[in-house]
Amino acid sequence: MRYLHTMVRVRDIDESLDFYCGKLGLEEIRRHENDKGRFTLIFLAAPEDKQAALDTRAPMIELTYNWDPEEYQGGRNFGHLAYVVDDIYETCQRLADGGVTINRPPRDGHMAFVRSPDGISIELLQKGDALPPAEPWASMENTGSW
């Protein structure tokens, strides 16, 4: 057994790609349009996973866009996606500068949470040891839920 992907339903492809690719930094690996089923599948990988995703088609996120409008609620019931990052402070600052709310700031230099436009919780973890606590993150309160 091996991990393949996690599927997340999205309501707006452009908004979702702006978040996952433009802000979070994932890369689109492939896309599949299904006219009969009326859906689009878009597979994304983290930059360090891109070659593995191309070679073995894993690990990835599958964004599923159903062409017929649906309202998705309760992204929290999904749980969360998790990514390790080289510098959690730089990553959170880049996301915040892009208009993303940092729901759980990296006060400990190790972990933060943000949400996608569809309410999917995403955990960001510092690669290796935690960074020393730093402002403004160390004093920042949680915003919303994750």
C-alpha atoms as a PDB file:
ATOM      1  CA  MET A   1       0.000   0.000   0.000  1.00  0.00           C
ATOM      2  CA  ARG A   2       1.150   3.543  -0.693  1.00  0.00           C
ATOM      3  CA  TYR A   3      -0.353   6.975  -0.336  1.00  0.00           C
ATOM      4  CA  LEU A   4      -1.744   8.438  -3.575  1.00  0.00           C
ATOM      5  CA  HIS A   5      -3.660  11.658  -2.956  1.00  0.00           C
ATOM      6  CA  THR A   6      -6.202  13.540  -0.890  1.00  0.00           C
ATOM      7  CA  MET A   7      -9.339  14.783  -2.641  1.00  0.00           C
ATOM      8  CA  VAL A   8     -10.798  18.173  -1.754  1.00  0.00           C
ATOM      9  CA  ARG A   9     -13.990  19.472  -3.368  1.00  0.00           C
ATOM     10  CA  VAL A  10     -13.754  23.103  -4.467  1.00  0.00           C
ATOM     11  CA  ARG A  11     -16.417  25.571  -5.586  1.00  0.00           C
ATOM     12  CA  ASP A  12     -14.222  27.925  -7.653  1.00  0.00           C
ATOM     13  CA  ILE A  13     -11.227  26.655  -9.656  1.00  0.00           C
ATOM     14  CA  ASP A  14      -9.563  30.051 -10.097  1.00  0.00           C
ATOM     15  CA  GLU A  15      -9.888  31.004  -6.434  1.00  0.00           C
ATOM     16  CA  SER A  16      -8.638  27.583  -5.339  1.00  0.00           C
ATOM     17  CA  LEU A  17      -5.642  27.601  -7.717  1.00  0.00           C
ATOM     18  CA  ASP A  18      -4.758  31.109  -6.573  1.00  0.00           C
ATOM     19  CA  PHE A  19      -4.658  29.812  -2.998  1.00  0.00           C
ATOM     20  CA  TYR A  20      -3.035  26.398  -3.475  1.00  0.00           C
ATOM     21  CA  CYS A  21      -0.591  27.385  -6.269  1.00  0.00           C
ATOM     22  CA  GLY A  22      -0.273  31.173  -6.156  1.00  0.00           C
ATOM     23  CA  LYS A  23      -0.042  31.542  -2.399  1.00  0.00           C
ATOM     24  CA  LEU A  24       0.760  28.147  -0.871  1.00  0.00           C
ATOM     25  CA  GLY A  25       3.224  27.271  -3.650  1.00  0.00           C
ATOM     26  CA  LEU A  26       1.901  23.933  -4.935  1.00  0.00           C
ATOM     27  CA  GLU A  27       2.295  23.090  -8.632  1.00  0.00           C
ATOM     28  CA  GLU A  28      -0.309  21.720 -11.028  1.00  0.00           C
ATOM     29  CA  ILE A  29       0.756  18.260 -12.234  1.00  0.00           C
ATOM     30  CA  ARG A  30      -2.185  17.306 -14.423  1.00  0.00           C
ATOM     31  CA  ARG A  31      -5.828  18.061 -15.132  1.00  0.00           C
ATOM     32  CA  HIS A  32      -8.712  15.866 -16.286  1.00  0.00           C
ATOM     33  CA  GLU A  33     -12.037  17.172 -17.627  1.00  0.00           C
ATOM     34  CA  ASN A  34     -14.953  14.696 -17.595  1.00  0.00           C
ATOM     35  CA  ASP A  35     -17.820  15.963 -19.768  1.00  0.00           C
ATOM     36  CA  LYS A  36     -20.078  12.981 -19.044  1.00  0.00           C
ATOM     37  CA  GLY A  37     -19.576  13.191 -15.273  1.00  0.00           C
ATOM     38  CA  ARG A  38     -19.547  17.006 -15.361  1.00  0.00           C
ATOM     39  CA  PHE A  39     -16.434  17.476 -13.243  1.00  0.00           C
ATOM     40  CA  THR A  40     -12.812  18.603 -13.440  1.00  0.00           C
ATOM     41  CA  LEU A  41      -9.941  17.001 -11.514  1.00  0.00           C
ATOM     42  CA  ILE A  42      -6.770  18.997 -10.923  1.00  0.00           C
ATOM     43  CA  PHE A  43      -3.802  17.278  -9.281  1.00  0.00           C
ATOM     44  CA  LEU A  44      -1.292  19.389  -7.335  1.00  0.00           C
ATOM     45  CA  ALA A  45       2.034  18.571  -5.689  1.00  0.00           C
ATOM     46  CA  ALA A  46       4.459  20.399  -3.421  1.00  0.00           C
ATOM     47  CA  PRO A  47       7.649  21.471  -5.238  1.00  0.00           C
ATOM     48  CA  GLU A  48       9.789  18.876  -3.420  1.00  0.00           C
ATOM     49  CA  ASP A  49       7.219  16.158  -4.299  1.00  0.00           C
ATOM     50  CA  LYS A  50       6.818  17.139  -7.961  1.00  0.00           C
ATOM     51  CA  GLN A  51       9.116  14.479  -9.416  1.00  0.00           C
ATOM     52  CA  ALA A  52       7.622  11.737  -7.221  1.00  0.00           C
ATOM     53  CA  ALA A  53       4.161  12.876  -8.313  1.00  0.00           C
ATOM     54  CA  LEU A  54       5.180  12.734 -11.978  1.00  0.00           C
ATOM     55  CA  ASP A  55       6.909   9.351 -11.589  1.00  0.00           C
ATOM     56  CA  THR A  56       4.446   7.533  -9.346  1.00  0.00           C
ATOM     57  CA  ARG A  57       1.464   9.913  -9.232  1.00  0.00           C
ATOM     58  CA  ALA A  58       1.888  10.414  -5.487  1.00  0.00           C
ATOM     59  CA  PRO A  59       1.717  12.288  -3.103  1.00  0.00           C
ATOM     60  CA  MET A  60      -0.759  14.878  -4.344  1.00  0.00           C
ATOM     61  CA  ILE A  61      -3.912  16.829  -3.668  1.00  0.00           C
ATOM     62  CA  GLU A  62      -6.790  16.254  -6.064  1.00  0.00           C
ATOM     63  CA  LEU A  63      -9.007  19.301  -6.396  1.00  0.00           C
ATOM     64  CA  THR A  64     -12.434  18.186  -7.584  1.00  0.00           C
ATOM     65  CA  TYR A  65     -14.637  20.780  -9.217  1.00  0.00           C
ATOM     66  CA  ASN A  66     -18.215  19.666  -9.892  1.00  0.00           C
ATOM     67  CA  TRP A  67     -19.664  21.694 -12.751  1.00  0.00           C
ATOM     68  CA  ASP A  68     -23.149  21.730 -11.233  1.00  0.00           C
ATOM     69  CA  PRO A  69     -23.143  24.170  -8.300  1.00  0.00           C
ATOM     70  CA  GLU A  70     -23.031  22.655  -4.821  1.00  0.00           C
ATOM     71  CA  GLU A  71     -22.589  24.261  -1.423  1.00  0.00           C
ATOM     72  CA  TYR A  72     -19.796  22.665   0.617  1.00  0.00           C
ATOM     73  CA  GLN A  73     -19.844  23.303   4.337  1.00  0.00           C
ATOM     74  CA  GLY A  74     -17.902  22.128   7.326  1.00  0.00           C
ATOM     75  CA  GLY A  75     -14.398  21.887   5.909  1.00  0.00           C
ATOM     76  CA  ARG A  76     -13.342  21.072   9.458  1.00  0.00           C
ATOM     77  CA  ASN A  77     -14.997  17.631   9.235  1.00  0.00           C
ATOM     78  CA  PHE A  78     -12.332  16.778   6.633  1.00  0.00           C
ATOM     79  CA  GLY A  79      -9.510  17.203   9.144  1.00  0.00           C
ATOM     80  CA  HIS A  80      -6.496  18.879   7.571  1.00  0.00           C
ATOM     81  CA  LEU A  81      -3.691  18.674   5.052  1.00  0.00           C
ATOM     82  CA  ALA A  82      -0.132  19.005   6.358  1.00  0.00           C
ATOM     83  CA  TYR A  83       3.026  20.329   4.712  1.00  0.00           C
ATOM     84  CA  VAL A  84       6.546  20.727   6.037  1.00  0.00           C
ATOM     85  CA  VAL A  85       8.136  24.072   5.104  1.00  0.00           C
ATOM     86  CA  ASP A  86      11.726  25.365   5.131  1.00  0.00           C
ATOM     87  CA  ASP A  87      10.919  28.538   7.099  1.00  0.00           C
ATOM     88  CA  ILE A  88       7.552  28.726   8.828  1.00  0.00           C
ATOM     89  CA  TYR A  89       7.854  32.454   9.501  1.00  0.00           C
ATOM     90  CA  GLU A  90       8.643  33.287   5.862  1.00  0.00           C
ATOM     91  CA  THR A  91       5.831  31.020   4.669  1.00  0.00           C
ATOM     92  CA  CYS A  92       3.271  32.566   7.021  1.00  0.00           C
ATOM     93  CA  GLN A  93       4.394  36.090   6.113  1.00  0.00           C
ATOM     94  CA  ARG A  94       4.094  35.319   2.380  1.00  0.00           C
ATOM     95  CA  LEU A  95       0.606  33.886   2.924  1.00  0.00           C
ATOM     96  CA  ALA A  96      -0.460  36.842   5.085  1.00  0.00           C
ATOM     97  CA  ASP A  97       0.912  39.270   2.486  1.00  0.00           C
ATOM     98  CA  GLY A  98      -1.256  37.403  -0.054  1.00  0.00           C
ATOM     99  CA  GLY A  99      -4.372  38.010   2.031  1.00  0.00           C
ATOM    100  CA  VAL A 100      -4.515  34.619   3.764  1.00  0.00           C
ATOM    101  CA  THR A 101      -5.600  34.652   7.419  1.00  0.00           C
ATOM    102  CA  ILE A 102      -3.172  32.857   9.707  1.00  0.00           C
ATOM    103  CA  ASN A 103      -5.693  31.063  11.940  1.00  0.00           C
ATOM    104  CA  ARG A 104      -3.114  29.569  14.287  1.00  0.00           C
ATOM    105  CA  PRO A 105       0.101  31.612  14.133  1.00  0.00           C
ATOM    106  CA  PRO A 106       3.492  29.877  14.490  1.00  0.00           C
ATOM    107  CA  ARG A 107       4.011  31.135  18.045  1.00  0.00           C
ATOM    108  CA  ASP A 108       6.244  28.165  18.846  1.00  0.00           C
ATOM    109  CA  GLY A 109       8.290  28.435  15.633  1.00  0.00           C
ATOM    110  CA  HIS A 110       7.006  24.989  14.703  1.00  0.00           C
ATOM    111  CA  MET A 111       3.344  24.886  13.679  1.00  0.00           C
ATOM    112  CA  ALA A 112       0.716  27.108  12.059  1.00  0.00           C
ATOM    113  CA  PHE A 113      -2.710  26.620  10.475  1.00  0.00           C
ATOM    114  CA  VAL A 114      -4.452  28.406   7.600  1.00  0.00           C
ATOM    115  CA  ARG A 115      -7.629  27.645   5.640  1.00  0.00           C
ATOM    116  CA  SER A 116      -8.260  27.340   1.929  1.00  0.00           C
ATOM    117  CA  PRO A 117     -11.057  29.367   0.291  1.00  0.00           C
ATOM    118  CA  ASP A 118     -13.278  26.274   0.755  1.00  0.00           C
ATOM    119  CA  GLY A 119     -12.562  26.017   4.484  1.00  0.00           C
ATOM    120  CA  ILE A 120     -10.029  23.174   4.328  1.00  0.00           C
ATOM    121  CA  SER A 121      -7.629  23.386   7.248  1.00  0.00           C
ATOM    122  CA  ILE A 122      -3.937  23.264   6.303  1.00  0.00           C
ATOM    123  CA  GLU A 123      -1.219  22.621   8.861  1.00  0.00           C
ATOM    124  CA  LEU A 124       2.234  24.064   8.212  1.00  0.00           C
ATOM    125  CA  LEU A 125       5.133  22.475  10.093  1.00  0.00           C
ATOM    126  CA  GLN A 126       8.693  23.765  10.356  1.00  0.00           C
ATOM    127  CA  LYS A 127      11.222  21.393   8.754  1.00  0.00           C
ATOM    128  CA  GLY A 128      13.672  20.126  11.375  1.00  0.00           C
ATOM    129  CA  ASP A 129      13.828  21.810  14.747  1.00  0.00           C
ATOM    130  CA  ALA A 130      11.459  24.611  15.689  1.00  0.00           C
ATOM    131  CA  LEU A 131      12.697  28.125  14.995  1.00  0.00           C
ATOM    132  CA  PRO A 132      13.206  30.397  18.010  1.00  0.00           C
ATOM    133  CA  PRO A 133       9.999  32.278  18.920  1.00  0.00           C
ATOM    134  CA  ALA A 134       9.830  35.591  17.032  1.00  0.00           C
ATOM    135  CA  GLU A 135       7.504  38.554  16.765  1.00  0.00           C
ATOM    136  CA  PRO A 136       4.936  39.305  15.570  1.00  0.00           C
ATOM    137  CA  TRP A 137       4.106  35.592  15.662  1.00  0.00           C
ATOM    138  CA  ALA A 138       4.948  34.894  19.319  1.00  0.00           C
ATOM    139  CA  SER A 139       2.317  37.375  20.563  1.00  0.00           C
ATOM    140  CA  MET A 140      -0.311  36.781  17.877  1.00  0.00           C
ATOM    141  CA  GLU A 141      -3.671  35.366  18.921  1.00  0.00           C
ATOM    142  CA  ASN A 142      -5.579  32.657  17.076  1.00  0.00           C
ATOM    143  CA  THR A 143      -8.128  33.833  14.498  1.00  0.00           C
ATOM    144  CA  GLY A 144     -11.197  31.721  13.810  1.00  0.00           C
ATOM    145  CA  SER A 145     -10.810  27.988  13.874  1.00  0.00           C
ATOM    146  CA  TRP A 146      -8.689  25.444  12.128  1.00  0.00           C
END
